[in-house]
Amino acid sequence: ILFLAATVVAAIVVPGDATDPSQVSIRGITYAGSGCPANSVGQFLSTDASTFTLIFSSFTAQVGATTQPMDARKFCQINLDLHYPQGFQLSVLSTTFRGFVSLDKGVTATLSALYYFSGPNQNQARTSTMFHGPEFEPYTAVSNVGFTSLVWSPCGANWPLNVQTAVAVVSDNATA
């Protein structure tokens, strides 16, 4: 079983002649997916609207004798409605995922995230973390997006940032 809560940290790149970075904010967060059905995600936006935390109550992947095949993978599509003035570009530098992992011997879990901005530029960056059983403990997984892989917001337009997160569990242990 893999449980998940997430915090995404966005980097703000400010050209020398740009306006005040405090004008950059998150206007809203929407989500949908098998790991985040309606009313299953707690949303917390910082007072300056520059960072957020999501807490998932249903983002759990599991395998075992009493589970269905669809229980082995859960996903959540997160859409961030961002506001940033002309002259700004944004990118995700890293994400921090926190949760709990409970894996028997022979069970492997993967936590992954895909980042991209809506609109004509479909550049994407992906991060992933693997867990190998036996493991039974809380985890903190910091995923850094490589500098050459950064996905930048388009210039002159406020396109939403999308974060597609997934948890998946596979087992080669017949008794897990």
C-alpha atoms as a PDB file:
ATOM      1  CA  ILE A   1       0.000   0.000   0.000  1.00  0.00           C
ATOM      2  CA  LEU A   2       1.312   3.472  -0.875  1.00  0.00           C
ATOM      3  CA  PHE A   3      -0.329   6.592   0.584  1.00  0.00           C
ATOM      4  CA  LEU A   4       0.416  10.096  -0.690  1.00  0.00           C
ATOM      5  CA  ALA A   5       0.282  13.759   0.266  1.00  0.00           C
ATOM      6  CA  ALA A   6       2.024  16.341  -1.873  1.00  0.00           C
ATOM      7  CA  THR A   7       3.548  19.785  -1.849  1.00  0.00           C
ATOM      8  CA  VAL A   8       4.680  21.325  -5.125  1.00  0.00           C
ATOM      9  CA  VAL A   9       7.192  24.169  -5.119  1.00  0.00           C
ATOM     10  CA  ALA A  10       7.284  26.398  -8.213  1.00  0.00           C
ATOM     11  CA  ALA A  11      10.285  28.504  -9.128  1.00  0.00           C
ATOM     12  CA  ILE A  12       9.798  32.076 -10.261  1.00  0.00           C
ATOM     13  CA  VAL A  13      12.253  33.467 -12.769  1.00  0.00           C
ATOM     14  CA  VAL A  14      12.254  37.243 -12.828  1.00  0.00           C
ATOM     15  CA  PRO A  15      13.988  39.234 -15.593  1.00  0.00           C
ATOM     16  CA  GLY A  16      15.970  42.228 -14.330  1.00  0.00           C
ATOM     17  CA  ASP A  17      13.426  44.756 -15.569  1.00  0.00           C
ATOM     18  CA  ALA A  18      10.315  42.800 -14.530  1.00  0.00           C
ATOM     19  CA  THR A  19       7.718  43.894 -12.020  1.00  0.00           C
ATOM     20  CA  ASP A  20       7.378  42.806  -8.388  1.00  0.00           C
ATOM     21  CA  PRO A  21       7.444  38.978  -7.954  1.00  0.00           C
ATOM     22  CA  SER A  22       4.737  39.263  -5.272  1.00  0.00           C
ATOM     23  CA  GLN A  23       2.314  39.679  -8.197  1.00  0.00           C
ATOM     24  CA  VAL A  24       2.721  35.973  -8.993  1.00  0.00           C
ATOM     25  CA  SER A  25       0.000  33.837  -7.400  1.00  0.00           C
ATOM     26  CA  ILE A  26      -2.050  30.669  -7.574  1.00  0.00           C
ATOM     27  CA  ARG A  27      -5.678  31.612  -8.309  1.00  0.00           C
ATOM     28  CA  GLY A  28      -7.145  28.151  -7.956  1.00  0.00           C
ATOM     29  CA  ILE A  29      -6.536  24.402  -7.864  1.00  0.00           C
ATOM     30  CA  THR A  30      -8.689  21.743  -9.506  1.00  0.00           C
ATOM     31  CA  TYR A  31      -8.174  17.982  -9.554  1.00  0.00           C
ATOM     32  CA  ALA A  32      -9.671  14.776 -10.926  1.00  0.00           C
ATOM     33  CA  GLY A  33      -8.714  11.114 -11.170  1.00  0.00           C
ATOM     34  CA  SER A  34      -8.991   7.685  -9.602  1.00  0.00           C
ATOM     35  CA  GLY A  35      -6.695   8.749  -6.740  1.00  0.00           C
ATOM     36  CA  CYS A  36      -8.539  11.982  -6.032  1.00  0.00           C
ATOM     37  CA  PRO A  37     -12.314  11.643  -6.411  1.00  0.00           C
ATOM     38  CA  ALA A  38     -14.518  14.626  -5.571  1.00  0.00           C
ATOM     39  CA  ASN A  39     -14.155  15.917  -1.999  1.00  0.00           C
ATOM     40  CA  SER A  40     -11.159  13.678  -1.218  1.00  0.00           C
ATOM     41  CA  VAL A  41      -8.398  16.299  -1.386  1.00  0.00           C
ATOM     42  CA  GLY A  42      -7.664  18.938   1.230  1.00  0.00           C
ATOM     43  CA  GLN A  43      -6.302  22.122  -0.369  1.00  0.00           C
ATOM     44  CA  PHE A  44      -4.157  24.596   1.532  1.00  0.00           C
ATOM     45  CA  LEU A  45      -2.874  27.735  -0.179  1.00  0.00           C
ATOM     46  CA  SER A  46      -0.164  29.841   1.489  1.00  0.00           C
ATOM     47  CA  THR A  47      -1.203  33.325   2.611  1.00  0.00           C
ATOM     48  CA  ASP A  48       0.802  34.900  -0.222  1.00  0.00           C
ATOM     49  CA  ALA A  49      -0.741  32.402  -2.733  1.00  0.00           C
ATOM     50  CA  SER A  50       2.717  31.279  -3.899  1.00  0.00           C
ATOM     51  CA  THR A  51       2.782  27.669  -2.616  1.00  0.00           C
ATOM     52  CA  PHE A  52       0.192  25.039  -1.858  1.00  0.00           C
ATOM     53  CA  THR A  53      -0.260  21.722  -0.115  1.00  0.00           C
ATOM     54  CA  LEU A  54      -2.667  18.990  -1.146  1.00  0.00           C
ATOM     55  CA  ILE A  55      -3.625  16.190   1.219  1.00  0.00           C
ATOM     56  CA  PHE A  56      -5.173  13.137  -0.408  1.00  0.00           C
ATOM     57  CA  SER A  57      -7.472  10.762   1.475  1.00  0.00           C
ATOM     58  CA  SER A  58      -7.978   8.277  -1.404  1.00  0.00           C
ATOM     59  CA  PHE A  59      -4.605   8.248  -3.181  1.00  0.00           C
ATOM     60  CA  THR A  60      -3.744   4.650  -2.277  1.00  0.00           C
ATOM     61  CA  ALA A  61      -2.515   1.898  -4.593  1.00  0.00           C
ATOM     62  CA  GLN A  62      -2.576  -1.704  -3.406  1.00  0.00           C
ATOM     63  CA  VAL A  63      -2.212  -5.304  -4.542  1.00  0.00           C
ATOM     64  CA  GLY A  64      -3.290  -8.496  -2.840  1.00  0.00           C
ATOM     65  CA  ALA A  65      -5.773 -11.340  -2.796  1.00  0.00           C
ATOM     66  CA  THR A  66      -8.760  -9.100  -2.010  1.00  0.00           C
ATOM     67  CA  THR A  67      -7.951  -6.251  -4.432  1.00  0.00           C
ATOM     68  CA  GLN A  68      -9.055  -5.578  -8.005  1.00  0.00           C
ATOM     69  CA  PRO A  69      -6.535  -4.958 -10.834  1.00  0.00           C
ATOM     70  CA  MET A  70      -7.525  -1.262 -10.950  1.00  0.00           C
ATOM     71  CA  ASP A  71      -6.481  -0.910  -7.284  1.00  0.00           C
ATOM     72  CA  ALA A  72      -2.820  -1.335  -8.281  1.00  0.00           C
ATOM     73  CA  ARG A  73      -2.600   2.108  -9.938  1.00  0.00           C
ATOM     74  CA  LYS A  74      -4.163   5.431  -8.987  1.00  0.00           C
ATOM     75  CA  PHE A  75      -3.648   8.818 -10.623  1.00  0.00           C
ATOM     76  CA  CYS A  76      -4.576  12.423 -10.008  1.00  0.00           C
ATOM     77  CA  GLN A  77      -4.528  15.218 -12.584  1.00  0.00           C
ATOM     78  CA  ILE A  78      -3.924  18.540 -10.805  1.00  0.00           C
ATOM     79  CA  ASN A  79      -4.511  21.846 -12.599  1.00  0.00           C
ATOM     80  CA  LEU A  80      -3.089  25.070 -11.164  1.00  0.00           C
ATOM     81  CA  ASP A  81      -4.642  28.328 -12.332  1.00  0.00           C
ATOM     82  CA  LEU A  82      -1.666  30.681 -12.127  1.00  0.00           C
ATOM     83  CA  HIS A  83      -1.449  34.448 -12.401  1.00  0.00           C
ATOM     84  CA  TYR A  84       1.814  36.063 -13.412  1.00  0.00           C
ATOM     85  CA  PRO A  85       2.411  39.429 -15.052  1.00  0.00           C
ATOM     86  CA  GLN A  86       3.997  40.077 -18.438  1.00  0.00           C
ATOM     87  CA  GLY A  87       7.751  39.444 -18.268  1.00  0.00           C
ATOM     88  CA  PHE A  88       7.540  36.477 -15.891  1.00  0.00           C
ATOM     89  CA  GLN A  89       8.090  32.792 -16.573  1.00  0.00           C
ATOM     90  CA  LEU A  90       7.489  29.976 -14.117  1.00  0.00           C
ATOM     91  CA  SER A  91       8.829  26.461 -13.813  1.00  0.00           C
ATOM     92  CA  VAL A  92       8.694  23.605 -11.324  1.00  0.00           C
ATOM     93  CA  LEU A  93      12.111  22.975  -9.759  1.00  0.00           C
ATOM     94  CA  SER A  94      11.136  20.309  -7.264  1.00  0.00           C
ATOM     95  CA  THR A  95       8.255  18.607  -5.553  1.00  0.00           C
ATOM     96  CA  THR A  96       8.044  17.103  -2.116  1.00  0.00           C
ATOM     97  CA  PHE A  97       5.793  14.112  -1.606  1.00  0.00           C
ATOM     98  CA  ARG A  98       5.034  12.796   1.859  1.00  0.00           C
ATOM     99  CA  GLY A  99       3.087   9.724   2.795  1.00  0.00           C
ATOM    100  CA  PHE A 100       3.283   6.225   4.156  1.00  0.00           C
ATOM    101  CA  VAL A 101       4.529   3.085   2.453  1.00  0.00           C
ATOM    102  CA  SER A 102       3.608  -0.457   3.522  1.00  0.00           C
ATOM    103  CA  LEU A 103       5.117  -3.050   1.192  1.00  0.00           C
ATOM    104  CA  ASP A 104       5.700  -6.761   1.700  1.00  0.00           C
ATOM    105  CA  LYS A 105       8.821  -8.453   0.382  1.00  0.00           C
ATOM    106  CA  GLY A 106       8.653  -8.717  -3.422  1.00  0.00           C
ATOM    107  CA  VAL A 107       6.365  -5.689  -3.804  1.00  0.00           C
ATOM    108  CA  THR A 108       7.541  -2.525  -5.566  1.00  0.00           C
ATOM    109  CA  ALA A 109       5.763   0.834  -5.653  1.00  0.00           C
ATOM    110  CA  THR A 110       6.369   3.806  -7.932  1.00  0.00           C
ATOM    111  CA  LEU A 111       5.376   7.410  -7.282  1.00  0.00           C
ATOM    112  CA  SER A 112       5.567   9.530 -10.441  1.00  0.00           C
ATOM    113  CA  ALA A 113       4.713  13.041 -11.567  1.00  0.00           C
ATOM    114  CA  LEU A 114       4.486  14.617 -15.019  1.00  0.00           C
ATOM    115  CA  TYR A 115       4.610  18.428 -15.300  1.00  0.00           C
ATOM    116  CA  TYR A 116       3.456  20.528 -18.257  1.00  0.00           C
ATOM    117  CA  PHE A 117       1.747  23.808 -19.084  1.00  0.00           C
ATOM    118  CA  SER A 118      -1.497  23.820 -21.060  1.00  0.00           C
ATOM    119  CA  GLY A 119      -1.405  25.507 -24.434  1.00  0.00           C
ATOM    120  CA  PRO A 120       0.610  25.175 -27.602  1.00  0.00           C
ATOM    121  CA  ASN A 121       3.974  24.386 -25.958  1.00  0.00           C
ATOM    122  CA  GLN A 122       3.689  20.798 -24.750  1.00  0.00           C
ATOM    123  CA  ASN A 123       7.157  20.385 -23.200  1.00  0.00           C
ATOM    124  CA  GLN A 124       7.023  17.972 -20.285  1.00  0.00           C
ATOM    125  CA  ALA A 125       9.198  16.914 -17.364  1.00  0.00           C
ATOM    126  CA  ARG A 126       8.806  13.695 -15.382  1.00  0.00           C
ATOM    127  CA  THR A 127      10.031  12.615 -11.956  1.00  0.00           C
ATOM    128  CA  SER A 128       9.647   9.287 -10.178  1.00  0.00           C
ATOM    129  CA  THR A 129      10.584   7.570  -6.939  1.00  0.00           C
ATOM    130  CA  MET A 130      10.595   3.817  -6.333  1.00  0.00           C
ATOM    131  CA  PHE A 131      10.043   1.908  -3.107  1.00  0.00           C
ATOM    132  CA  HIS A 132      11.007  -1.759  -2.629  1.00  0.00           C
ATOM    133  CA  GLY A 133       9.497  -4.038   0.002  1.00  0.00           C
ATOM    134  CA  PRO A 134       9.778  -4.968   2.672  1.00  0.00           C
ATOM    135  CA  GLU A 135       9.165  -1.411   3.807  1.00  0.00           C
ATOM    136  CA  PHE A 136       6.743  -0.055   6.407  1.00  0.00           C
ATOM    137  CA  GLU A 137       7.330   3.604   7.259  1.00  0.00           C
ATOM    138  CA  PRO A 138       6.510   7.229   6.539  1.00  0.00           C
ATOM    139  CA  TYR A 139       8.400   8.696   3.600  1.00  0.00           C
ATOM    140  CA  THR A 140       9.447  12.045   2.225  1.00  0.00           C
ATOM    141  CA  ALA A 141      10.415  11.969  -1.436  1.00  0.00           C
ATOM    142  CA  VAL A 142      11.935  15.112  -2.913  1.00  0.00           C
ATOM    143  CA  SER A 143      11.957  14.991  -6.699  1.00  0.00           C
ATOM    144  CA  ASN A 144      14.145  17.564  -8.402  1.00  0.00           C
ATOM    145  CA  VAL A 145      13.453  18.384 -12.013  1.00  0.00           C
ATOM    146  CA  GLY A 146      16.791  18.568 -13.823  1.00  0.00           C
ATOM    147  CA  PHE A 147      17.648  22.097 -14.935  1.00  0.00           C
ATOM    148  CA  THR A 148      17.852  21.033 -18.574  1.00  0.00           C
ATOM    149  CA  SER A 149      14.421  19.385 -18.223  1.00  0.00           C
ATOM    150  CA  LEU A 150      12.605  22.369 -16.748  1.00  0.00           C
ATOM    151  CA  VAL A 151       9.224  23.063 -18.283  1.00  0.00           C
ATOM    152  CA  TRP A 152       8.701  26.818 -18.593  1.00  0.00           C
ATOM    153  CA  SER A 153       5.420  28.679 -18.768  1.00  0.00           C
ATOM    154  CA  PRO A 154       4.832  30.407 -22.110  1.00  0.00           C
ATOM    155  CA  CYS A 155       5.830  34.055 -22.423  1.00  0.00           C
ATOM    156  CA  GLY A 156       3.007  36.578 -22.508  1.00  0.00           C
ATOM    157  CA  ALA A 157       0.211  34.170 -21.540  1.00  0.00           C
ATOM    158  CA  ASN A 158      -1.169  32.702 -18.309  1.00  0.00           C
ATOM    159  CA  TRP A 159      -1.554  29.000 -19.135  1.00  0.00           C
ATOM    160  CA  PRO A 160      -2.426  26.547 -16.345  1.00  0.00           C
ATOM    161  CA  LEU A 161       0.268  24.291 -14.916  1.00  0.00           C
ATOM    162  CA  ASN A 162      -0.707  20.620 -14.950  1.00  0.00           C
ATOM    163  CA  VAL A 163       0.741  18.016 -12.597  1.00  0.00           C
ATOM    164  CA  GLN A 164      -0.246  14.435 -13.351  1.00  0.00           C
ATOM    165  CA  THR A 165       0.653  12.291 -10.353  1.00  0.00           C
ATOM    166  CA  ALA A 166       0.413   8.508 -10.134  1.00  0.00           C
ATOM    167  CA  VAL A 167       1.092   5.729  -7.647  1.00  0.00           C
ATOM    168  CA  ALA A 168       1.457   2.132  -8.818  1.00  0.00           C
ATOM    169  CA  VAL A 169       2.225  -1.117  -7.038  1.00  0.00           C
ATOM    170  CA  VAL A 170       3.443  -4.402  -8.576  1.00  0.00           C
ATOM    171  CA  SER A 171       4.175  -7.689  -6.863  1.00  0.00           C
ATOM    172  CA  ASP A 172       6.148 -10.798  -7.716  1.00  0.00           C
ATOM    173  CA  ASN A 173       5.150 -12.224  -4.347  1.00  0.00           C
ATOM    174  CA  ALA A 174       2.097 -14.500  -4.624  1.00  0.00           C
ATOM    175  CA  THR A 175       1.291 -14.078  -0.923  1.00  0.00           C
ATOM    176  CA  ALA A 176       1.563 -10.252  -0.797  1.00  0.00           C
END
